[in-house]
Amino acid sequence: QVQLVESGGGLVQAGGSLRLSCEASGSTFRPVTMAWYRQAPEKQRELVATMTSHGGTNYLDSVKGRFTISRDNAKNSVYLQMNSLKPEDTAVYYCYVALLGGVWGQGTQVTVSS
C-alpha cells in the first residue's frame, strides 16, 4: 500500500511563487513515474507535469517555463516549483504515483489572486 501526503499550497498574488511537496510512504513504494495534476472548479482534472524515475519530464504547455517538477528518490518525494503564477493556475493540485493502478494524494489548494 502507498500513501501520498502533499503540502505547500496556499494563497499567493499573481506573479508569485509556491513550491508543492509530495511524500510517498508505504512498504510497496518504489521509484516510478510521479506526476502533478490539477483541477479547477467546474473543469476536468488535467496533467500538469510528470517525471519518470530516470528524470525524464513532461509539462502542460501552459506551464512550460514557469513550473519545474523535481524529485528526491531517497526521500520518496516529488516537488513542483511554481513561478510567475497566474490566476488561471488556481486549482486543487494532486500528486499522483504510477503504482498499484495509480495512487492519488488528497490534494492541496493553490489560489492565485489578481
PDB file of N, CA and C in Angstrom:
ATOM      1  N   GLN A   1       0.837  -1.189   0.000  1.00  0.00           N
ATOM      2  CA  GLN A   1       0.000   0.000   0.000  1.00  0.00           C
ATOM      3  C   GLN A   1       0.876   1.243   0.000  1.00  0.00           C
ATOM      4  N   VAL A   2       0.433   2.278  -0.687  1.00  0.00           N
ATOM      5  CA  VAL A   2       1.192   3.528  -0.806  1.00  0.00           C
ATOM      6  C   VAL A   2       0.293   4.689  -0.402  1.00  0.00           C
ATOM      7  N   GLN A   3       0.829   5.593   0.386  1.00  0.00           N
ATOM      8  CA  GLN A   3       0.115   6.817   0.749  1.00  0.00           C
ATOM      9  C   GLN A   3       0.918   8.024   0.289  1.00  0.00           C
ATOM     10  N   LEU A   4       0.203   9.052  -0.119  1.00  0.00           N
ATOM     11  CA  LEU A   4       0.827  10.300  -0.561  1.00  0.00           C
ATOM     12  C   LEU A   4       0.336  11.445   0.306  1.00  0.00           C
ATOM     13  N   VAL A   5       1.268  12.254   0.764  1.00  0.00           N
ATOM     14  CA  VAL A   5       0.917  13.422   1.572  1.00  0.00           C
ATOM     15  C   VAL A   5       1.488  14.653   0.892  1.00  0.00           C
ATOM     16  N   GLU A   6       0.608  15.581   0.547  1.00  0.00           N
ATOM     17  CA  GLU A   6       1.008  16.799  -0.139  1.00  0.00           C
ATOM     18  C   GLU A   6       1.045  17.966   0.836  1.00  0.00           C
ATOM     19  N   SER A   7       1.855  18.953   0.479  1.00  0.00           N
ATOM     20  CA  SER A   7       1.906  20.182   1.261  1.00  0.00           C
ATOM     21  C   SER A   7       2.412  21.309   0.363  1.00  0.00           C
ATOM     22  N   GLY A   8       2.238  22.536   0.839  1.00  0.00           N
ATOM     23  CA  GLY A   8       2.812  23.668   0.139  1.00  0.00           C
ATOM     24  C   GLY A   8       1.837  24.564  -0.587  1.00  0.00           C
ATOM     25  N   GLY A   9       0.570  24.204  -0.622  1.00  0.00           N
ATOM     26  CA  GLY A   9      -0.399  25.066  -1.281  1.00  0.00           C
ATOM     27  C   GLY A   9      -0.661  26.322  -0.466  1.00  0.00           C
ATOM     28  N   GLY A  10      -1.444  27.219  -1.041  1.00  0.00           N
ATOM     29  CA  GLY A  10      -1.781  28.436  -0.323  1.00  0.00           C
ATOM     30  C   GLY A  10      -2.290  29.513  -1.248  1.00  0.00           C
ATOM     31  N   LEU A  11      -2.349  30.718  -0.699  1.00  0.00           N
ATOM     32  CA  LEU A  11      -2.815  31.894  -1.442  1.00  0.00           C
ATOM     33  C   LEU A  11      -1.614  32.762  -1.794  1.00  0.00           C
ATOM     34  N   VAL A  12      -1.530  33.151  -3.048  1.00  0.00           N
ATOM     35  CA  VAL A  12      -0.407  33.968  -3.498  1.00  0.00           C
ATOM     36  C   VAL A  12      -0.911  34.957  -4.545  1.00  0.00           C
ATOM     37  N   GLN A  13      -0.250  36.090  -4.632  1.00  0.00           N
ATOM     38  CA  GLN A  13      -0.610  37.068  -5.655  1.00  0.00           C
ATOM     39  C   GLN A  13      -0.042  36.650  -7.005  1.00  0.00           C
ATOM     40  N   ALA A  14      -0.679  37.123  -8.048  1.00  0.00           N
ATOM     41  CA  ALA A  14      -0.180  36.862  -9.397  1.00  0.00           C
ATOM     42  C   ALA A  14       1.271  37.307  -9.510  1.00  0.00           C
ATOM     43  N   GLY A  15       2.073  36.458 -10.150  1.00  0.00           N
ATOM     44  CA  GLY A  15       3.496  36.716 -10.266  1.00  0.00           C
ATOM     45  C   GLY A  15       4.326  36.088  -9.175  1.00  0.00           C
ATOM     46  N   GLY A  16       3.661  35.590  -8.164  1.00  0.00           N
ATOM     47  CA  GLY A  16       4.357  34.976  -7.046  1.00  0.00           C
ATOM     48  C   GLY A  16       4.732  33.531  -7.304  1.00  0.00           C
ATOM     49  N   SER A  17       5.265  32.902  -6.272  1.00  0.00           N
ATOM     50  CA  SER A  17       5.753  31.528  -6.382  1.00  0.00           C
ATOM     51  C   SER A  17       5.249  30.679  -5.219  1.00  0.00           C
ATOM     52  N   LEU A  18       5.126  29.404  -5.502  1.00  0.00           N
ATOM     53  CA  LEU A  18       4.831  28.406  -4.485  1.00  0.00           C
ATOM     54  C   LEU A  18       5.589  27.129  -4.819  1.00  0.00           C
ATOM     55  N   ARG A  19       5.868  26.346  -3.804  1.00  0.00           N
ATOM     56  CA  ARG A  19       6.504  25.049  -4.016  1.00  0.00           C
ATOM     57  C   ARG A  19       5.663  23.979  -3.342  1.00  0.00           C
ATOM     58  N   LEU A  20       5.194  23.055  -4.141  1.00  0.00           N
ATOM     59  CA  LEU A  20       4.414  21.940  -3.627  1.00  0.00           C
ATOM     60  C   LEU A  20       5.330  20.747  -3.375  1.00  0.00           C
ATOM     61  N   SER A  21       5.012  20.014  -2.324  1.00  0.00           N
ATOM     62  CA  SER A  21       5.770  18.808  -1.991  1.00  0.00           C
ATOM     63  C   SER A  21       4.814  17.638  -1.856  1.00  0.00           C
ATOM     64  N   CYS A  22       5.311  16.472  -2.187  1.00  0.00           N
ATOM     65  CA  CYS A  22       4.530  15.247  -2.054  1.00  0.00           C
ATOM     66  C   CYS A  22       5.470  14.138  -1.617  1.00  0.00           C
ATOM     67  N   GLU A  23       5.146  13.555  -0.467  1.00  0.00           N
ATOM     68  CA  GLU A  23       5.966  12.475   0.055  1.00  0.00           C
ATOM     69  C   GLU A  23       5.178  11.187   0.044  1.00  0.00           C
ATOM     70  N   ALA A  24       5.798  10.158  -0.496  1.00  0.00           N
ATOM     71  CA  ALA A  24       5.163   8.846  -0.566  1.00  0.00           C
ATOM     72  C   ALA A  24       5.678   7.955   0.554  1.00  0.00           C
ATOM     73  N   SER A  25       4.789   7.151   1.071  1.00  0.00           N
ATOM     74  CA  SER A  25       5.177   6.191   2.102  1.00  0.00           C
ATOM     75  C   SER A  25       4.454   4.879   1.849  1.00  0.00           C
ATOM     76  N   GLY A  26       4.975   3.830   2.462  1.00  0.00           N
ATOM     77  CA  GLY A  26       4.358   2.525   2.274  1.00  0.00           C
ATOM     78  C   GLY A  26       5.392   1.496   1.868  1.00  0.00           C
ATOM     79  N   SER A  27       5.147   0.289   2.274  1.00  0.00           N
ATOM     80  CA  SER A  27       6.125  -0.763   2.071  1.00  0.00           C
ATOM     81  C   SER A  27       6.282  -1.152   0.608  1.00  0.00           C
ATOM     82  N   THR A  28       5.284  -0.849  -0.224  1.00  0.00           N
ATOM     83  CA  THR A  28       5.354  -1.257  -1.622  1.00  0.00           C
ATOM     84  C   THR A  28       5.867  -0.150  -2.530  1.00  0.00           C
ATOM     85  N   PHE A  29       6.241   1.006  -1.957  1.00  0.00           N
ATOM     86  CA  PHE A  29       6.684   2.098  -2.819  1.00  0.00           C
ATOM     87  C   PHE A  29       8.041   1.796  -3.423  1.00  0.00           C
ATOM     88  N   ARG A  30       8.194   2.187  -4.666  1.00  0.00           N
ATOM     89  CA  ARG A  30       9.482   2.121  -5.360  1.00  0.00           C
ATOM     90  C   ARG A  30       9.511   3.232  -6.390  1.00  0.00           C
ATOM     91  N   PRO A  31      10.705   3.646  -6.818  1.00  0.00           N
ATOM     92  CA  PRO A  31      10.789   4.769  -7.762  1.00  0.00           C
ATOM     93  C   PRO A  31      10.099   4.456  -9.082  1.00  0.00           C
ATOM     94  N   VAL A  32       9.045   5.194  -9.373  1.00  0.00           N
ATOM     95  CA  VAL A  32       8.319   5.065 -10.630  1.00  0.00           C
ATOM     96  C   VAL A  32       7.938   6.477 -11.072  1.00  0.00           C
ATOM     97  N   THR A  33       7.224   6.564 -12.147  1.00  0.00           N
ATOM     98  CA  THR A  33       6.783   7.875 -12.607  1.00  0.00           C
ATOM     99  C   THR A  33       5.878   8.532 -11.566  1.00  0.00           C
ATOM    100  N   MET A  34       6.176   9.795 -11.289  1.00  0.00           N
ATOM    101  CA  MET A  34       5.345  10.588 -10.391  1.00  0.00           C
ATOM    102  C   MET A  34       4.886  11.819 -11.149  1.00  0.00           C
ATOM    103  N   ALA A  35       3.765  12.365 -10.740  1.00  0.00           N
ATOM    104  CA  ALA A  35       3.180  13.455 -11.504  1.00  0.00           C
ATOM    105  C   ALA A  35       2.372  14.389 -10.618  1.00  0.00           C
ATOM    106  N   TRP A  36       2.095  15.556 -11.170  1.00  0.00           N
ATOM    107  CA  TRP A  36       1.176  16.520 -10.562  1.00  0.00           C
ATOM    108  C   TRP A  36       0.035  16.769 -11.545  1.00  0.00           C
ATOM    109  N   TYR A  37      -1.160  16.713 -11.017  1.00  0.00           N
ATOM    110  CA  TYR A  37      -2.360  17.084 -11.748  1.00  0.00           C
ATOM    111  C   TYR A  37      -3.009  18.269 -11.044  1.00  0.00           C
ATOM    112  N   ARG A  38      -3.957  18.905 -11.721  1.00  0.00           N
ATOM    113  CA  ARG A  38      -4.732  19.945 -11.061  1.00  0.00           C
ATOM    114  C   ARG A  38      -6.162  19.916 -11.581  1.00  0.00           C
ATOM    115  N   GLN A  39      -7.038  20.420 -10.732  1.00  0.00           N
ATOM    116  CA  GLN A  39      -8.439  20.503 -11.116  1.00  0.00           C
ATOM    117  C   GLN A  39      -9.016  21.811 -10.619  1.00  0.00           C
ATOM    118  N   ALA A  40      -9.410  22.645 -11.564  1.00  0.00           N
ATOM    119  CA  ALA A  40     -10.054  23.913 -11.238  1.00  0.00           C
ATOM    120  C   ALA A  40     -11.556  23.680 -11.125  1.00  0.00           C
ATOM    121  N   PRO A  41     -12.254  24.583 -10.444  1.00  0.00           N
ATOM    122  CA  PRO A  41     -13.709  24.421 -10.297  1.00  0.00           C
ATOM    123  C   PRO A  41     -14.411  24.267 -11.640  1.00  0.00           C
ATOM    124  N   GLU A  42     -15.259  23.280 -11.714  1.00  0.00           N
ATOM    125  CA  GLU A  42     -16.066  23.011 -12.902  1.00  0.00           C
ATOM    126  C   GLU A  42     -15.239  22.668 -14.136  1.00  0.00           C
ATOM    127  N   LYS A  43     -14.015  22.222 -13.914  1.00  0.00           N
ATOM    128  CA  LYS A  43     -13.175  21.797 -15.030  1.00  0.00           C
ATOM    129  C   LYS A  43     -12.662  20.384 -14.765  1.00  0.00           C
ATOM    130  N   GLN A  44     -12.234  19.732 -15.841  1.00  0.00           N
ATOM    131  CA  GLN A  44     -11.687  18.387 -15.696  1.00  0.00           C
ATOM    132  C   GLN A  44     -10.275  18.447 -15.119  1.00  0.00           C
ATOM    133  N   ARG A  45      -9.908  17.367 -14.448  1.00  0.00           N
ATOM    134  CA  ARG A  45      -8.551  17.267 -13.937  1.00  0.00           C
ATOM    135  C   ARG A  45      -7.592  17.190 -15.121  1.00  0.00           C
ATOM    136  N   GLU A  46      -6.485  17.932 -15.019  1.00  0.00           N
ATOM    137  CA  GLU A  46      -5.505  17.926 -16.110  1.00  0.00           C
ATOM    138  C   GLU A  46      -4.112  17.648 -15.592  1.00  0.00           C
ATOM    139  N   LEU A  47      -3.332  17.030 -16.458  1.00  0.00           N
ATOM    140  CA  LEU A  47      -1.957  16.700 -16.114  1.00  0.00           C
ATOM    141  C   LEU A  47      -1.085  17.939 -16.237  1.00  0.00           C
ATOM    142  N   VAL A  48      -0.376  18.254 -15.171  1.00  0.00           N
ATOM    143  CA  VAL A  48       0.471  19.443 -15.157  1.00  0.00           C
ATOM    144  C   VAL A  48       1.918  19.096 -15.497  1.00  0.00           C
ATOM    145  N   ALA A  49       2.445  18.081 -14.845  1.00  0.00           N
ATOM    146  CA  ALA A  49       3.851  17.727 -15.057  1.00  0.00           C
ATOM    147  C   ALA A  49       4.082  16.292 -14.621  1.00  0.00           C
ATOM    148  N   THR A  50       5.005  15.629 -15.307  1.00  0.00           N
ATOM    149  CA  THR A  50       5.390  14.275 -14.935  1.00  0.00           C
ATOM    150  C   THR A  50       6.910  14.168 -14.884  1.00  0.00           C
ATOM    151  N   MET A  51       7.363  13.227 -14.078  1.00  0.00           N
ATOM    152  CA  MET A  51       8.786  12.924 -14.037  1.00  0.00           C
ATOM    153  C   MET A  51       8.947  11.419 -13.855  1.00  0.00           C
ATOM    154  N   THR A  52       9.724  10.810 -14.755  1.00  0.00           N
ATOM    155  CA  THR A  52       9.977   9.384 -14.651  1.00  0.00           C
ATOM    156  C   THR A  52      11.026   9.126 -13.571  1.00  0.00           C
ATOM    157  N   SER A  53      11.234   7.868 -13.267  1.00  0.00           N
ATOM    158  CA  SER A  53      12.231   7.514 -12.255  1.00  0.00           C
ATOM    159  C   SER A  53      13.640   7.869 -12.710  1.00  0.00           C
ATOM    160  N   HIS A  54      13.823   8.034 -14.011  1.00  0.00           N
ATOM    161  CA  HIS A  54      15.146   8.375 -14.546  1.00  0.00           C
ATOM    162  C   HIS A  54      15.293   9.867 -14.815  1.00  0.00           C
ATOM    163  N   GLY A  55      14.286  10.641 -14.475  1.00  0.00           N
ATOM    164  CA  GLY A  55      14.400  12.088 -14.600  1.00  0.00           C
ATOM    165  C   GLY A  55      13.782  12.713 -15.830  1.00  0.00           C
ATOM    166  N   GLY A  56      13.171  11.930 -16.676  1.00  0.00           N
ATOM    167  CA  GLY A  56      12.501  12.500 -17.833  1.00  0.00           C
ATOM    168  C   GLY A  56      11.281  13.284 -17.420  1.00  0.00           C
ATOM    169  N   THR A  57      11.072  14.439 -18.050  1.00  0.00           N
ATOM    170  CA  THR A  57       9.961  15.308 -17.649  1.00  0.00           C
ATOM    171  C   THR A  57       9.055  15.646 -18.827  1.00  0.00           C
ATOM    172  N   ASN A  58       7.853  16.015 -18.480  1.00  0.00           N
ATOM    173  CA  ASN A  58       6.889  16.467 -19.474  1.00  0.00           C
ATOM    174  C   ASN A  58       5.984  17.473 -18.778  1.00  0.00           C
ATOM    175  N   TYR A  59       5.581  18.522 -19.513  1.00  0.00           N
ATOM    176  CA  TYR A  59       4.790  19.598 -18.917  1.00  0.00           C
ATOM    177  C   TYR A  59       3.593  19.967 -19.779  1.00  0.00           C
ATOM    178  N   LEU A  60       2.563  20.413 -19.104  1.00  0.00           N
ATOM    179  CA  LEU A  60       1.431  21.044 -19.768  1.00  0.00           C
ATOM    180  C   LEU A  60       1.942  22.311 -20.453  1.00  0.00           C
ATOM    181  N   ASP A  61       1.501  22.548 -21.672  1.00  0.00           N
ATOM    182  CA  ASP A  61       2.032  23.692 -22.432  1.00  0.00           C
ATOM    183  C   ASP A  61       1.909  25.008 -21.670  1.00  0.00           C
ATOM    184  N   SER A  62       0.813  25.201 -20.984  1.00  0.00           N
ATOM    185  CA  SER A  62       0.564  26.497 -20.340  1.00  0.00           C
ATOM    186  C   SER A  62       1.457  26.749 -19.133  1.00  0.00           C
ATOM    187  N   VAL A  63       2.176  25.736 -18.654  1.00  0.00           N
ATOM    188  CA  VAL A  63       3.052  25.942 -17.503  1.00  0.00           C
ATOM    189  C   VAL A  63       4.526  25.843 -17.868  1.00  0.00           C
ATOM    190  N   LYS A  64       4.815  25.502 -19.100  1.00  0.00           N
ATOM    191  CA  LYS A  64       6.216  25.376 -19.522  1.00  0.00           C
ATOM    192  C   LYS A  64       6.953  26.704 -19.313  1.00  0.00           C
ATOM    193  N   GLY A  65       8.146  26.597 -18.754  1.00  0.00           N
ATOM    194  CA  GLY A  65       8.933  27.782 -18.478  1.00  0.00           C
ATOM    195  C   GLY A  65       8.615  28.444 -17.146  1.00  0.00           C
ATOM    196  N   ARG A  66       7.518  28.031 -16.521  1.00  0.00           N
ATOM    197  CA  ARG A  66       7.132  28.622 -15.229  1.00  0.00           C
ATOM    198  C   ARG A  66       7.178  27.583 -14.095  1.00  0.00           C
ATOM    199  N   PHE A  67       6.821  26.340 -14.403  1.00  0.00           N
ATOM    200  CA  PHE A  67       6.791  25.288 -13.394  1.00  0.00           C
ATOM    201  C   PHE A  67       7.947  24.324 -13.625  1.00  0.00           C
ATOM    202  N   THR A  68       8.469  23.786 -12.533  1.00  0.00           N
ATOM    203  CA  THR A  68       9.529  22.793 -12.610  1.00  0.00           C
ATOM    204  C   THR A  68       9.218  21.644 -11.670  1.00  0.00           C
ATOM    205  N   ILE A  69       9.187  20.439 -12.214  1.00  0.00           N
ATOM    206  CA  ILE A  69       8.996  19.249 -11.394  1.00  0.00           C
ATOM    207  C   ILE A  69      10.357  18.656 -11.064  1.00  0.00           C
ATOM    208  N   SER A  70      10.496  18.181  -9.843  1.00  0.00           N
ATOM    209  CA  SER A  70      11.739  17.528  -9.439  1.00  0.00           C
ATOM    210  C   SER A  70      11.387  16.427  -8.447  1.00  0.00           C
ATOM    211  N   ARG A  71      12.368  15.593  -8.142  1.00  0.00           N
ATOM    212  CA  ARG A  71      12.111  14.505  -7.213  1.00  0.00           C
ATOM    213  C   ARG A  71      13.372  14.171  -6.448  1.00  0.00           C
ATOM    214  N   ASP A  72      13.163  13.566  -5.311  1.00  0.00           N
ATOM    215  CA  ASP A  72      14.246  13.064  -4.486  1.00  0.00           C
ATOM    216  C   ASP A  72      13.899  11.609  -4.166  1.00  0.00           C
ATOM    217  N   ASN A  73      14.497  10.699  -4.890  1.00  0.00           N
ATOM    218  CA  ASN A  73      14.150   9.287  -4.713  1.00  0.00           C
ATOM    219  C   ASN A  73      14.516   8.778  -3.323  1.00  0.00           C
ATOM    220  N   ALA A  74      15.540   9.344  -2.737  1.00  0.00           N
ATOM    221  CA  ALA A  74      15.938   8.926  -1.389  1.00  0.00           C
ATOM    222  C   ALA A  74      14.868   9.269  -0.355  1.00  0.00           C
ATOM    223  N   LYS A  75      14.098  10.319  -0.657  1.00  0.00           N
ATOM    224  CA  LYS A  75      13.033  10.751   0.251  1.00  0.00           C
ATOM    225  C   LYS A  75      11.650  10.348  -0.262  1.00  0.00           C
ATOM    226  N   ASN A  76      11.623   9.600  -1.364  1.00  0.00           N
ATOM    227  CA  ASN A  76      10.338   9.198  -1.959  1.00  0.00           C
ATOM    228  C   ASN A  76       9.437  10.404  -2.180  1.00  0.00           C
ATOM    229  N   SER A  77      10.012  11.467  -2.657  1.00  0.00           N
ATOM    230  CA  SER A  77       9.275  12.728  -2.764  1.00  0.00           C
ATOM    231  C   SER A  77       9.363  13.320  -4.159  1.00  0.00           C
ATOM    232  N   VAL A  78       8.326  14.048  -4.500  1.00  0.00           N
ATOM    233  CA  VAL A  78       8.292  14.817  -5.737  1.00  0.00           C
ATOM    234  C   VAL A  78       7.852  16.232  -5.399  1.00  0.00           C
ATOM    235  N   TYR A  79       8.364  17.187  -6.156  1.00  0.00           N
ATOM    236  CA  TYR A  79       8.108  18.591  -5.873  1.00  0.00           C
ATOM    237  C   TYR A  79       7.630  19.293  -7.144  1.00  0.00           C
ATOM    238  N   LEU A  80       6.938  20.395  -6.948  1.00  0.00           N
ATOM    239  CA  LEU A  80       6.537  21.229  -8.072  1.00  0.00           C
ATOM    240  C   LEU A  80       6.817  22.679  -7.693  1.00  0.00           C
ATOM    241  N   GLN A  81       7.837  23.240  -8.311  1.00  0.00           N
ATOM    242  CA  GLN A  81       8.152  24.656  -8.113  1.00  0.00           C
ATOM    243  C   GLN A  81       7.340  25.449  -9.129  1.00  0.00           C
ATOM    244  N   MET A  82       6.522  26.354  -8.632  1.00  0.00           N
ATOM    245  CA  MET A  82       5.641  27.138  -9.492  1.00  0.00           C
ATOM    246  C   MET A  82       6.004  28.600  -9.379  1.00  0.00           C
ATOM    247  N   ASN A  83       6.485  29.169 -10.472  1.00  0.00           N
ATOM    248  CA  ASN A  83       6.869  30.575 -10.523  1.00  0.00           C
ATOM    249  C   ASN A  83       5.948  31.340 -11.473  1.00  0.00           C
ATOM    250  N   SER A  84       5.975  32.629 -11.361  1.00  0.00           N
ATOM    251  CA  SER A  84       5.165  33.505 -12.230  1.00  0.00           C
ATOM    252  C   SER A  84       3.719  33.023 -12.293  1.00  0.00           C
ATOM    253  N   LEU A  85       3.175  32.767 -11.133  1.00  0.00           N
ATOM    254  CA  LEU A  85       1.820  32.218 -11.072  1.00  0.00           C
ATOM    255  C   LEU A  85       0.790  33.190 -11.621  1.00  0.00           C
ATOM    256  N   LYS A  86      -0.229  32.607 -12.231  1.00  0.00           N
ATOM    257  CA  LYS A  86      -1.314  33.379 -12.835  1.00  0.00           C
ATOM    258  C   LYS A  86      -2.642  32.971 -12.196  1.00  0.00           C
ATOM    259  N   PRO A  87      -3.629  33.837 -12.231  1.00  0.00           N
ATOM    260  CA  PRO A  87      -4.936  33.460 -11.668  1.00  0.00           C
ATOM    261  C   PRO A  87      -5.482  32.162 -12.263  1.00  0.00           C
ATOM    262  N   GLU A  88      -5.192  31.911 -13.506  1.00  0.00           N
ATOM    263  CA  GLU A  88      -5.686  30.680 -14.149  1.00  0.00           C
ATOM    264  C   GLU A  88      -4.985  29.414 -13.653  1.00  0.00           C
ATOM    265  N   ASP A  89      -3.971  29.572 -12.821  1.00  0.00           N
ATOM    266  CA  ASP A  89      -3.329  28.416 -12.187  1.00  0.00           C
ATOM    267  C   ASP A  89      -4.083  27.982 -10.929  1.00  0.00           C
ATOM    268  N   THR A  90      -5.060  28.755 -10.522  1.00  0.00           N
ATOM    269  CA  THR A  90      -5.845  28.416  -9.338  1.00  0.00           C
ATOM    270  C   THR A  90      -6.543  27.076  -9.529  1.00  0.00           C
ATOM    271  N   ALA A  91      -6.302  26.175  -8.587  1.00  0.00           N
ATOM    272  CA  ALA A  91      -6.858  24.825  -8.683  1.00  0.00           C
ATOM    273  C   ALA A  91      -6.456  24.042  -7.442  1.00  0.00           C
ATOM    274  N   VAL A  92      -7.038  22.870  -7.315  1.00  0.00           N
ATOM    275  CA  VAL A  92      -6.538  21.896  -6.354  1.00  0.00           C
ATOM    276  C   VAL A  92      -5.500  21.050  -7.093  1.00  0.00           C
ATOM    277  N   TYR A  93      -4.334  20.965  -6.519  1.00  0.00           N
ATOM    278  CA  TYR A  93      -3.236  20.222  -7.127  1.00  0.00           C
ATOM    279  C   TYR A  93      -3.099  18.864  -6.434  1.00  0.00           C
ATOM    280  N   TYR A  94      -2.975  17.832  -7.258  1.00  0.00           N
ATOM    281  CA  TYR A  94      -2.900  16.466  -6.758  1.00  0.00           C
ATOM    282  C   TYR A  94      -1.588  15.812  -7.188  1.00  0.00           C
ATOM    283  N   CYS A  95      -1.008  15.115  -6.268  1.00  0.00           N
ATOM    284  CA  CYS A  95       0.145  14.283  -6.547  1.00  0.00           C
ATOM    285  C   CYS A  95      -0.347  12.912  -7.005  1.00  0.00           C
ATOM    286  N   TYR A  96       0.393  12.302  -7.901  1.00  0.00           N
ATOM    287  CA  TYR A  96       0.000  11.002  -8.449  1.00  0.00           C
ATOM    288  C   TYR A  96       1.237  10.135  -8.613  1.00  0.00           C
ATOM    289  N   VAL A  97       1.089   8.868  -8.259  1.00  0.00           N
ATOM    290  CA  VAL A  97       2.161   7.899  -8.425  1.00  0.00           C
ATOM    291  C   VAL A  97       1.646   6.747  -9.268  1.00  0.00           C
ATOM    292  N   ALA A  98       2.426   6.369 -10.266  1.00  0.00           N
ATOM    293  CA  ALA A  98       2.013   5.290 -11.169  1.00  0.00           C
ATOM    294  C   ALA A  98       2.363   3.930 -10.576  1.00  0.00           C
ATOM    295  N   LEU A  99       1.701   3.589  -9.506  1.00  0.00           N
ATOM    296  CA  LEU A  99       1.870   2.308  -8.832  1.00  0.00           C
ATOM    297  C   LEU A  99       0.505   1.755  -8.490  1.00  0.00           C
ATOM    298  N   LEU A 100       0.409   0.448  -8.449  1.00  0.00           N
ATOM    299  CA  LEU A 100      -0.818  -0.210  -7.959  1.00  0.00           C
ATOM    300  C   LEU A 100      -2.061   0.314  -8.667  1.00  0.00           C
ATOM    301  N   GLY A 101      -1.944   0.584  -9.938  1.00  0.00           N
ATOM    302  CA  GLY A 101      -3.072   1.106 -10.684  1.00  0.00           C
ATOM    303  C   GLY A 101      -3.273   2.590 -10.549  1.00  0.00           C
ATOM    304  N   GLY A 102      -2.400   3.243  -9.819  1.00  0.00           N
ATOM    305  CA  GLY A 102      -2.471   4.690  -9.663  1.00  0.00           C
ATOM    306  C   GLY A 102      -2.880   5.080  -8.261  1.00  0.00           C
ATOM    307  N   VAL A 103      -2.086   5.902  -7.630  1.00  0.00           N
ATOM    308  CA  VAL A 103      -2.358   6.360  -6.269  1.00  0.00           C
ATOM    309  C   VAL A 103      -2.384   7.881  -6.271  1.00  0.00           C
ATOM    310  N   TRP A 104      -3.397   8.456  -5.630  1.00  0.00           N
ATOM    311  CA  TRP A 104      -3.574   9.907  -5.580  1.00  0.00           C
ATOM    312  C   TRP A 104      -3.379  10.440  -4.179  1.00  0.00           C
ATOM    313  N   GLY A 105      -2.843  11.656  -4.110  1.00  0.00           N
ATOM    314  CA  GLY A 105      -2.821  12.367  -2.850  1.00  0.00           C
ATOM    315  C   GLY A 105      -4.170  13.007  -2.582  1.00  0.00           C
ATOM    316  N   GLN A 106      -4.265  13.664  -1.442  1.00  0.00           N
ATOM    317  CA  GLN A 106      -5.542  14.250  -1.036  1.00  0.00           C
ATOM    318  C   GLN A 106      -5.802  15.599  -1.691  1.00  0.00           C
ATOM    319  N   GLY A 107      -4.790  16.175  -2.271  1.00  0.00           N
ATOM    320  CA  GLY A 107      -4.928  17.463  -2.942  1.00  0.00           C
ATOM    321  C   GLY A 107      -4.555  18.620  -2.039  1.00  0.00           C
ATOM    322  N   THR A 108      -4.021  19.661  -2.649  1.00  0.00           N
ATOM    323  CA  THR A 108      -3.689  20.883  -1.917  1.00  0.00           C
ATOM    324  C   THR A 108      -4.148  22.081  -2.758  1.00  0.00           C
ATOM    325  N   GLN A 109      -4.804  23.024  -2.108  1.00  0.00           N
ATOM    326  CA  GLN A 109      -5.388  24.164  -2.822  1.00  0.00           C
ATOM    327  C   GLN A 109      -4.334  25.212  -3.122  1.00  0.00           C
ATOM    328  N   VAL A 110      -4.319  25.643  -4.354  1.00  0.00           N
ATOM    329  CA  VAL A 110      -3.490  26.770  -4.777  1.00  0.00           C
ATOM    330  C   VAL A 110      -4.428  27.842  -5.310  1.00  0.00           C
ATOM    331  N   THR A 111      -4.345  29.026  -4.720  1.00  0.00           N
ATOM    332  CA  THR A 111      -5.180  30.139  -5.146  1.00  0.00           C
ATOM    333  C   THR A 111      -4.286  31.310  -5.508  1.00  0.00           C
ATOM    334  N   VAL A 112      -4.448  31.808  -6.724  1.00  0.00           N
ATOM    335  CA  VAL A 112      -3.646  32.925  -7.206  1.00  0.00           C
ATOM    336  C   VAL A 112      -4.576  34.111  -7.416  1.00  0.00           C
ATOM    337  N   SER A 113      -4.335  35.171  -6.680  1.00  0.00           N
ATOM    338  CA  SER A 113      -5.182  36.357  -6.789  1.00  0.00           C
ATOM    339  C   SER A 113      -4.606  37.334  -7.805  1.00  0.00           C
ATOM    340  N   SER A 114      -5.501  38.055  -8.445  1.00  0.00           N
ATOM    341  CA  SER A 114      -5.060  39.002  -9.478  1.00  0.00           C
ATOM    342  C   SER A 114      -4.789  40.369  -8.894  1.00  0.00           C
TER     343      SER A 114
END
